[in-house]
Amino acid sequence: MPYIFAIMLSCLLMAYLMEFPLAKLFFYYSAMNAGKSTMLLQSSYNYQERGMATILFTPKIDNRFGVGKIHSRIGLDSEAVPFDAKFNMFDYIAAEQAKIPNLKCVLVDEAQFLTKDQVMQLTDIVDQLDIPVLAYGLRSDFRGEPFEGSLYLLAWADKLSEIKTICHCGRKAIMNMRIDENNRPVRSGAQIEIGGNERYISTCHKHFKSGETR
């Protein structure tokens, strides 16, 4: 169900951008397993289907399916430009825009891993290059604390949209619980630890606090 919603939302977004073409910075946030990458890839496809070029970014640190690859859980994937903390988003897009006149959209996967400076660079892409930027990411980490990229996207994005998913109890999930190999909650450790369903589950407030995973 979240995937169907994500695809519908991406189509609505495309219609919105076509009707109101002024460039903006969009931040689509959610808990884990809500279909963010699916929505990103669908949005990119919608542009490309109309003859418009897009550039996709993904963090270099997330190499589960190979460096520079965006992969969704329903099997969609795409090549993307890998970035790390030193990568300059604005300089890269400005150079690419000179080579690709019909570059119409920039999309960022796992945007929580952006730095504060990189989020500012995304606003410069919007303001100076007049290209819309669609960023997709988590709002908070396994401790309930904001990521640096998410913090500044929430503060600086022109438009915020929540992609909804559900806890195992049926309530809306907004938290990301890290679990160990025995399905028990992990409460301490490094903020960044790449993983999928085997390492993280999305939960509501109640079950995040109680540590109940099922």
Protein backbone atom coordinates (compact mmCIF):
# COMPACT_ATOMS: atom_id res chain seq x y z
CA MET A 1 0.00 0.00 0.00
CA PRO A 2 2.74 2.58 0.78
CA TYR A 3 4.21 1.93 -2.69
CA ILE A 4 0.91 2.68 -4.42
CA PHE A 5 0.60 5.87 -2.40
CA ALA A 6 4.17 6.84 -3.28
CA ILE A 7 3.57 6.38 -7.01
CA MET A 8 0.31 8.36 -6.86
CA LEU A 9 2.06 11.13 -4.94
CA SER A 10 4.89 11.28 -7.49
CA CYS A 11 2.36 11.67 -10.31
CA LEU A 12 0.58 14.45 -8.42
CA LEU A 13 3.94 16.12 -7.84
CA MET A 14 4.74 16.03 -11.53
CA ALA A 15 1.38 17.61 -12.35
CA TYR A 16 2.03 20.32 -9.77
CA LEU A 17 5.47 21.12 -11.14
CA MET A 18 4.15 21.28 -14.69
CA GLU A 19 1.40 23.70 -13.64
CA PHE A 20 3.59 25.76 -11.29
CA PRO A 21 7.08 25.57 -12.83
CA LEU A 22 8.85 27.94 -10.42
CA ALA A 23 11.78 26.00 -8.95
CA LYS A 24 11.52 24.97 -5.31
CA LEU A 25 13.31 22.74 -2.82
CA PHE A 26 11.04 19.87 -1.79
CA PHE A 27 11.72 17.58 1.17
CA TYR A 28 9.86 14.27 1.36
CA TYR A 29 10.49 12.66 4.73
CA SER A 30 9.33 9.47 6.39
CA ALA A 31 10.29 6.59 8.63
CA MET A 32 12.04 3.56 7.17
CA ASN A 33 10.32 1.41 4.55
CA ALA A 34 7.79 4.00 3.38
CA GLY A 35 8.72 3.86 -0.31
CA LYS A 36 10.93 6.96 -0.58
CA SER A 37 13.27 5.50 -3.21
CA THR A 38 10.31 4.17 -5.18
CA MET A 39 8.77 7.61 -5.24
CA LEU A 40 12.07 9.22 -6.25
CA LEU A 41 12.56 6.83 -9.16
CA GLN A 42 8.97 7.28 -10.32
CA SER A 43 9.35 11.07 -10.22
CA SER A 44 12.56 10.88 -12.26
CA TYR A 45 10.86 8.57 -14.78
CA ASN A 46 7.96 11.01 -15.17
CA TYR A 47 10.39 13.75 -16.20
CA GLN A 48 12.37 11.53 -18.54
CA GLU A 49 9.20 10.23 -20.20
CA ARG A 50 8.51 13.82 -21.26
CA GLY A 51 11.99 14.32 -22.67
CA MET A 52 13.37 16.18 -19.67
CA ALA A 53 16.74 15.26 -18.17
CA THR A 54 17.24 14.57 -14.47
CA ILE A 55 20.25 14.03 -12.23
CA LEU A 56 20.03 11.70 -9.24
CA PHE A 57 22.27 11.75 -6.19
CA THR A 58 22.83 9.03 -3.61
CA PRO A 59 25.26 8.91 -0.66
CA LYS A 60 28.52 7.08 -1.33
CA ILE A 61 28.31 5.49 2.12
CA ASP A 62 25.23 3.46 1.14
CA ASN A 63 26.85 0.80 -1.03
CA ARG A 64 24.49 -2.11 -0.29
CA PHE A 65 23.66 -2.44 -3.99
CA GLY A 66 26.86 -0.85 -5.30
CA VAL A 67 28.24 2.69 -5.09
CA GLY A 68 26.15 5.13 -7.09
CA LYS A 69 23.05 2.94 -7.29
CA ILE A 70 19.54 3.74 -6.05
CA HIS A 71 17.55 0.58 -5.40
CA SER A 72 13.95 0.30 -4.23
CA ARG A 73 12.49 -2.65 -2.38
CA ILE A 74 10.02 -3.34 -5.21
CA GLY A 75 12.87 -3.89 -7.67
CA LEU A 76 13.27 -0.51 -9.36
CA ASP A 77 16.80 0.87 -9.60
CA SER A 78 18.85 3.54 -11.30
CA GLU A 79 22.38 4.83 -11.57
CA ALA A 80 23.08 7.96 -9.55
CA VAL A 81 25.92 10.33 -8.75
CA PRO A 82 27.50 9.30 -5.42
CA PHE A 83 28.25 12.07 -2.92
CA ASP A 84 30.20 12.33 0.31
CA ALA A 85 30.55 15.15 2.84
CA LYS A 86 33.06 17.06 0.67
CA PHE A 87 31.00 16.92 -2.54
CA ASN A 88 29.75 20.30 -3.83
CA MET A 89 26.21 19.86 -5.17
CA PHE A 90 25.95 23.33 -6.69
CA ASP A 91 29.25 23.22 -8.59
CA TYR A 92 28.39 19.81 -10.04
CA ILE A 93 24.91 20.80 -11.21
CA ALA A 94 26.09 24.16 -12.60
CA ALA A 95 28.66 22.31 -14.74
CA GLU A 96 26.10 19.72 -15.85
CA GLN A 97 23.50 22.36 -16.71
CA ALA A 98 25.99 23.92 -19.13
CA LYS A 99 26.27 20.53 -20.88
CA ILE A 100 22.61 19.46 -20.57
CA PRO A 101 20.30 22.37 -21.49
CA ASN A 102 17.14 20.36 -20.78
CA LEU A 103 18.17 19.44 -17.22
CA LYS A 104 14.90 19.97 -15.40
CA CYS A 105 15.12 18.30 -12.01
CA VAL A 106 17.63 17.20 -9.37
CA LEU A 107 16.67 14.34 -7.04
CA VAL A 108 18.51 13.32 -3.85
CA ASP A 109 18.07 9.91 -2.21
CA GLU A 110 18.87 9.34 1.49
CA ALA A 111 19.02 13.11 1.94
CA GLN A 112 19.47 12.78 5.70
CA PHE A 113 23.17 12.19 4.96
CA LEU A 114 23.64 15.67 3.47
CA THR A 115 25.67 18.22 5.39
CA LYS A 116 24.37 21.65 6.34
CA ASP A 117 26.51 23.18 3.59
CA GLN A 118 25.12 20.76 1.01
CA VAL A 119 21.54 21.63 1.91
CA MET A 120 22.46 25.29 1.37
CA GLN A 121 23.92 24.27 -2.00
CA LEU A 122 20.58 22.72 -2.92
CA THR A 123 18.88 26.05 -2.19
CA ASP A 124 21.44 27.70 -4.49
CA ILE A 125 20.55 25.24 -7.27
CA VAL A 126 16.94 26.32 -6.89
CA ASP A 127 17.62 30.06 -6.57
CA GLN A 128 20.49 30.58 -9.01
CA LEU A 129 20.01 27.79 -11.57
CA ASP A 130 16.19 27.70 -11.43
CA ILE A 131 16.09 23.89 -11.19
CA PRO A 132 13.68 22.18 -8.78
CA VAL A 133 15.27 19.85 -6.23
CA LEU A 134 13.44 16.86 -4.75
CA ALA A 135 15.08 15.45 -1.62
CA TYR A 136 13.93 12.23 0.05
CA GLY A 137 15.08 11.05 3.45
CA LEU A 138 14.54 10.08 7.05
CA ARG A 139 13.62 12.73 9.58
CA SER A 140 15.30 11.14 12.60
CA ASP A 141 17.78 8.43 13.56
CA PHE A 142 17.44 5.33 15.75
CA ARG A 143 17.63 7.46 18.90
CA GLY A 144 14.91 9.83 17.73
CA GLU A 145 17.46 12.57 17.02
CA PRO A 146 17.51 14.51 13.73
CA PHE A 147 20.15 13.90 11.10
CA GLU A 148 22.10 16.98 10.02
CA GLY A 149 20.70 16.91 6.49
CA SER A 150 17.13 16.41 7.64
CA LEU A 151 17.40 19.17 10.24
CA TYR A 152 18.30 21.79 7.65
CA LEU A 153 15.95 20.47 4.99
CA LEU A 154 13.11 20.80 7.49
CA ALA A 155 14.26 24.37 8.17
CA TRP A 156 15.02 25.51 4.60
CA ALA A 157 12.88 23.52 2.16
CA ASP A 158 10.14 25.42 0.35
CA LYS A 159 7.75 22.52 0.68
CA LEU A 160 7.62 19.65 3.19
CA SER A 161 5.69 16.44 2.60
CA GLU A 162 5.42 13.35 4.78
CA ILE A 163 5.38 9.93 3.14
CA LYS A 164 3.37 7.78 5.51
CA THR A 165 3.93 4.22 6.62
CA ILE A 166 2.61 2.14 9.51
CA CYS A 167 3.85 0.45 12.68
CA HIS A 168 3.20 -3.25 13.25
CA CYS A 169 0.29 -2.18 15.50
CA GLY A 170 -1.44 -0.26 12.71
CA ARG A 171 -0.64 3.24 13.99
CA LYS A 172 1.32 5.70 11.86
CA ALA A 173 5.05 4.98 12.11
CA ILE A 174 7.32 7.98 12.56
CA MET A 175 10.27 6.47 14.47
CA ASN A 176 13.16 4.28 13.29
CA MET A 177 14.14 1.50 15.67
CA ARG A 178 17.54 -0.18 15.26
CA ILE A 179 17.47 -3.87 16.11
CA ASP A 180 20.09 -6.54 16.69
CA GLU A 181 20.29 -10.06 15.25
CA ASN A 182 17.79 -11.23 17.89
CA ASN A 183 15.24 -8.57 16.97
CA ARG A 184 15.91 -6.61 20.15
CA PRO A 185 16.08 -2.78 20.15
CA VAL A 186 19.51 -1.12 20.08
CA ARG A 187 19.66 2.17 21.99
CA SER A 188 23.29 3.22 21.60
CA GLY A 189 25.97 3.30 18.96
CA ALA A 190 27.06 5.35 15.95
CA GLN A 191 24.36 7.48 14.37
CA ILE A 192 25.06 6.11 10.90
CA GLU A 193 24.92 2.37 10.35
CA ILE A 194 23.71 1.34 6.91
CA GLY A 195 21.10 -1.40 6.86
CA GLY A 196 17.67 -2.49 5.73
CA ASN A 197 14.87 -4.57 7.21
CA GLU A 198 17.36 -6.77 9.04
CA ARG A 199 18.64 -3.75 11.01
CA TYR A 200 15.77 -1.26 11.25
CA ILE A 201 12.00 -1.23 11.66
CA SER A 202 9.62 1.71 11.60
CA THR A 203 7.39 2.12 14.65
CA CYS A 204 4.96 4.47 16.35
CA HIS A 205 5.95 6.50 19.43
CA LYS A 206 4.49 3.93 21.80
CA HIS A 207 6.41 0.93 20.51
CA PHE A 208 9.61 2.89 19.97
CA LYS A 209 9.58 3.76 23.67
CA SER A 210 8.60 0.28 24.83
CA GLY A 211 10.99 -1.49 22.45
CA GLU A 212 8.29 -3.86 21.17
CA THR A 213 9.18 -5.00 17.67
CA ARG A 214 6.11 -7.09 16.86
